[in-house]
């Protein structure tokens, strides 16, 4: 009985991380596209932005559902993720590379 409970608890904790759909962005003047997506953990409120497989932003949102902004670097580009709650169940993060809009991540 204890094993079943622990297994179900572990599965529910792992299931609390949601991922946004992958989006593709090509910076002005570049030929190669970037693959951008994000993850959000509903228990720890941790937010991540992943570009071409590299985790470029990791940060925790406040538990009071206020807006938050995070920054990081990818190669020589500055990456900013501005997050705001559309409702208490929907988080939207606008990702910009060097000030240029690159992706809208929805969790």
C-alpha atoms as a PDB file:
ATOM      1  CA  UNK A   1       0.000   0.000   0.000  1.00  0.00           C
ATOM      2  CA  UNK A   2       2.831   2.395   0.857  1.00  0.00           C
ATOM      3  CA  UNK A   3       4.539   1.702  -2.478  1.00  0.00           C
ATOM      4  CA  UNK A   4       1.384   2.546  -4.419  1.00  0.00           C
ATOM      5  CA  UNK A   5       0.940   5.792  -2.490  1.00  0.00           C
ATOM      6  CA  UNK A   6       4.576   6.842  -2.979  1.00  0.00           C
ATOM      7  CA  UNK A   7       4.442   5.979  -6.668  1.00  0.00           C
ATOM      8  CA  UNK A   8       1.250   7.970  -7.201  1.00  0.00           C
ATOM      9  CA  UNK A   9       2.740  10.926  -5.297  1.00  0.00           C
ATOM     10  CA  UNK A  10       5.869  10.827  -7.457  1.00  0.00           C
ATOM     11  CA  UNK A  11       3.838  10.673 -10.664  1.00  0.00           C
ATOM     12  CA  UNK A  12       1.687  13.618  -9.575  1.00  0.00           C
ATOM     13  CA  UNK A  13       4.771  15.718  -8.755  1.00  0.00           C
ATOM     14  CA  UNK A  14       6.361  14.986 -12.118  1.00  0.00           C
ATOM     15  CA  UNK A  15       3.076  15.738 -13.851  1.00  0.00           C
ATOM     16  CA  UNK A  16       2.991  19.257 -12.408  1.00  0.00           C
ATOM     17  CA  UNK A  17       5.515  20.555 -14.936  1.00  0.00           C
ATOM     18  CA  UNK A  18       3.960  21.843 -18.130  1.00  0.00           C
ATOM     19  CA  UNK A  19       5.772  22.639 -21.356  1.00  0.00           C
ATOM     20  CA  UNK A  20       4.809  25.187 -23.953  1.00  0.00           C
ATOM     21  CA  UNK A  21       4.670  24.179 -27.613  1.00  0.00           C
ATOM     22  CA  UNK A  22       7.902  24.653 -29.539  1.00  0.00           C
ATOM     23  CA  UNK A  23       8.132  27.828 -31.590  1.00  0.00           C
ATOM     24  CA  UNK A  24      10.606  28.809 -34.253  1.00  0.00           C
ATOM     25  CA  UNK A  25      12.224  32.219 -34.603  1.00  0.00           C
ATOM     26  CA  UNK A  26      14.711  33.582 -37.105  1.00  0.00           C
ATOM     27  CA  UNK A  27      16.477  36.784 -36.054  1.00  0.00           C
ATOM     28  CA  UNK A  28      16.658  39.584 -38.616  1.00  0.00           C
ATOM     29  CA  UNK A  29      19.573  39.080 -40.994  1.00  0.00           C
ATOM     30  CA  UNK A  30      20.128  35.430 -39.984  1.00  0.00           C
ATOM     31  CA  UNK A  31      19.528  32.311 -42.067  1.00  0.00           C
ATOM     32  CA  UNK A  32      19.161  29.751 -39.267  1.00  0.00           C
ATOM     33  CA  UNK A  33      16.037  29.395 -37.141  1.00  0.00           C
ATOM     34  CA  UNK A  34      16.024  28.999 -33.372  1.00  0.00           C
ATOM     35  CA  UNK A  35      13.776  26.525 -31.567  1.00  0.00           C
ATOM     36  CA  UNK A  36      12.265  28.126 -28.452  1.00  0.00           C
ATOM     37  CA  UNK A  37      10.077  26.535 -25.796  1.00  0.00           C
ATOM     38  CA  UNK A  38       9.551  26.754 -22.073  1.00  0.00           C
ATOM     39  CA  UNK A  39       8.631  24.813 -18.969  1.00  0.00           C
ATOM     40  CA  UNK A  40       6.659  25.818 -15.893  1.00  0.00           C
ATOM     41  CA  UNK A  41       6.477  23.837 -12.657  1.00  0.00           C
ATOM     42  CA  UNK A  42       3.106  24.429 -11.006  1.00  0.00           C
ATOM     43  CA  UNK A  43       4.377  23.464  -7.538  1.00  0.00           C
ATOM     44  CA  UNK A  44       7.643  25.411  -7.333  1.00  0.00           C
ATOM     45  CA  UNK A  45       6.519  28.149  -9.806  1.00  0.00           C
ATOM     46  CA  UNK A  46       9.865  27.684 -11.592  1.00  0.00           C
ATOM     47  CA  UNK A  47       9.967  28.994 -15.159  1.00  0.00           C
ATOM     48  CA  UNK A  48      12.506  27.972 -17.802  1.00  0.00           C
ATOM     49  CA  UNK A  49      13.217  29.142 -21.346  1.00  0.00           C
ATOM     50  CA  UNK A  50      15.064  26.709 -23.612  1.00  0.00           C
ATOM     51  CA  UNK A  51      16.607  27.786 -26.931  1.00  0.00           C
ATOM     52  CA  UNK A  52      18.019  25.124 -29.273  1.00  0.00           C
ATOM     53  CA  UNK A  53      18.237  22.709 -26.335  1.00  0.00           C
ATOM     54  CA  UNK A  54      20.122  25.125 -24.040  1.00  0.00           C
ATOM     55  CA  UNK A  55      18.444  26.279 -20.834  1.00  0.00           C
ATOM     56  CA  UNK A  56      18.987  30.047 -21.025  1.00  0.00           C
ATOM     57  CA  UNK A  57      16.600  31.280 -18.301  1.00  0.00           C
ATOM     58  CA  UNK A  58      15.596  29.718 -14.990  1.00  0.00           C
ATOM     59  CA  UNK A  59      13.689  31.658 -12.370  1.00  0.00           C
ATOM     60  CA  UNK A  60      10.848  31.340  -9.891  1.00  0.00           C
ATOM     61  CA  UNK A  61       7.699  33.412 -10.165  1.00  0.00           C
ATOM     62  CA  UNK A  62       6.166  34.881  -6.997  1.00  0.00           C
ATOM     63  CA  UNK A  63       3.429  32.782  -5.408  1.00  0.00           C
ATOM     64  CA  UNK A  64       1.084  35.791  -5.281  1.00  0.00           C
ATOM     65  CA  UNK A  65       0.547  35.691  -9.077  1.00  0.00           C
ATOM     66  CA  UNK A  66       2.263  39.014  -9.758  1.00  0.00           C
ATOM     67  CA  UNK A  67       4.136  39.652 -13.000  1.00  0.00           C
ATOM     68  CA  UNK A  68       7.834  38.809 -13.214  1.00  0.00           C
ATOM     69  CA  UNK A  69      10.684  39.388 -15.634  1.00  0.00           C
ATOM     70  CA  UNK A  70      13.737  37.190 -16.148  1.00  0.00           C
ATOM     71  CA  UNK A  71      16.851  37.571 -18.260  1.00  0.00           C
ATOM     72  CA  UNK A  72      19.655  35.412 -19.574  1.00  0.00           C
ATOM     73  CA  UNK A  73      22.029  35.037 -22.497  1.00  0.00           C
ATOM     74  CA  UNK A  74      22.108  32.806 -25.538  1.00  0.00           C
ATOM     75  CA  UNK A  75      25.348  32.954 -27.493  1.00  0.00           C
ATOM     76  CA  UNK A  76      25.829  36.747 -27.916  1.00  0.00           C
ATOM     77  CA  UNK A  77      22.135  37.581 -27.514  1.00  0.00           C
ATOM     78  CA  UNK A  78      20.330  38.967 -24.475  1.00  0.00           C
ATOM     79  CA  UNK A  79      17.171  36.994 -23.741  1.00  0.00           C
ATOM     80  CA  UNK A  80      14.308  38.440 -21.679  1.00  0.00           C
ATOM     81  CA  UNK A  81      11.158  36.628 -20.580  1.00  0.00           C
ATOM     82  CA  UNK A  82       8.334  38.870 -19.302  1.00  0.00           C
ATOM     83  CA  UNK A  83       5.692  36.725 -17.597  1.00  0.00           C
ATOM     84  CA  UNK A  84       2.176  37.677 -16.580  1.00  0.00           C
ATOM     85  CA  UNK A  85      -0.862  35.722 -15.455  1.00  0.00           C
ATOM     86  CA  UNK A  86      -3.860  35.846 -17.775  1.00  0.00           C
ATOM     87  CA  UNK A  87      -5.773  34.000 -15.035  1.00  0.00           C
ATOM     88  CA  UNK A  88      -4.685  31.958 -12.011  1.00  0.00           C
ATOM     89  CA  UNK A  89      -4.411  28.943 -14.281  1.00  0.00           C
ATOM     90  CA  UNK A  90      -2.845  30.481 -17.421  1.00  0.00           C
ATOM     91  CA  UNK A  91       0.650  31.944 -17.510  1.00  0.00           C
ATOM     92  CA  UNK A  92       1.934  33.804 -20.580  1.00  0.00           C
ATOM     93  CA  UNK A  93       5.605  34.698 -21.070  1.00  0.00           C
ATOM     94  CA  UNK A  94       6.812  36.979 -23.879  1.00  0.00           C
ATOM     95  CA  UNK A  95      10.364  36.082 -24.940  1.00  0.00           C
ATOM     96  CA  UNK A  96      12.566  38.702 -26.594  1.00  0.00           C
ATOM     97  CA  UNK A  97      16.046  38.339 -28.093  1.00  0.00           C
ATOM     98  CA  UNK A  98      18.014  41.586 -28.157  1.00  0.00           C
ATOM     99  CA  UNK A  99      14.742  43.484 -27.719  1.00  0.00           C
ATOM    100  CA  UNK A 100      13.062  41.771 -30.681  1.00  0.00           C
ATOM    101  CA  UNK A 101       9.914  39.701 -30.009  1.00  0.00           C
ATOM    102  CA  UNK A 102      10.772  36.016 -30.509  1.00  0.00           C
ATOM    103  CA  UNK A 103       8.074  33.846 -28.890  1.00  0.00           C
ATOM    104  CA  UNK A 104       4.941  33.806 -26.751  1.00  0.00           C
ATOM    105  CA  UNK A 105       5.029  30.893 -24.319  1.00  0.00           C
ATOM    106  CA  UNK A 106       1.713  29.852 -22.770  1.00  0.00           C
ATOM    107  CA  UNK A 107       1.422  27.425 -19.870  1.00  0.00           C
END
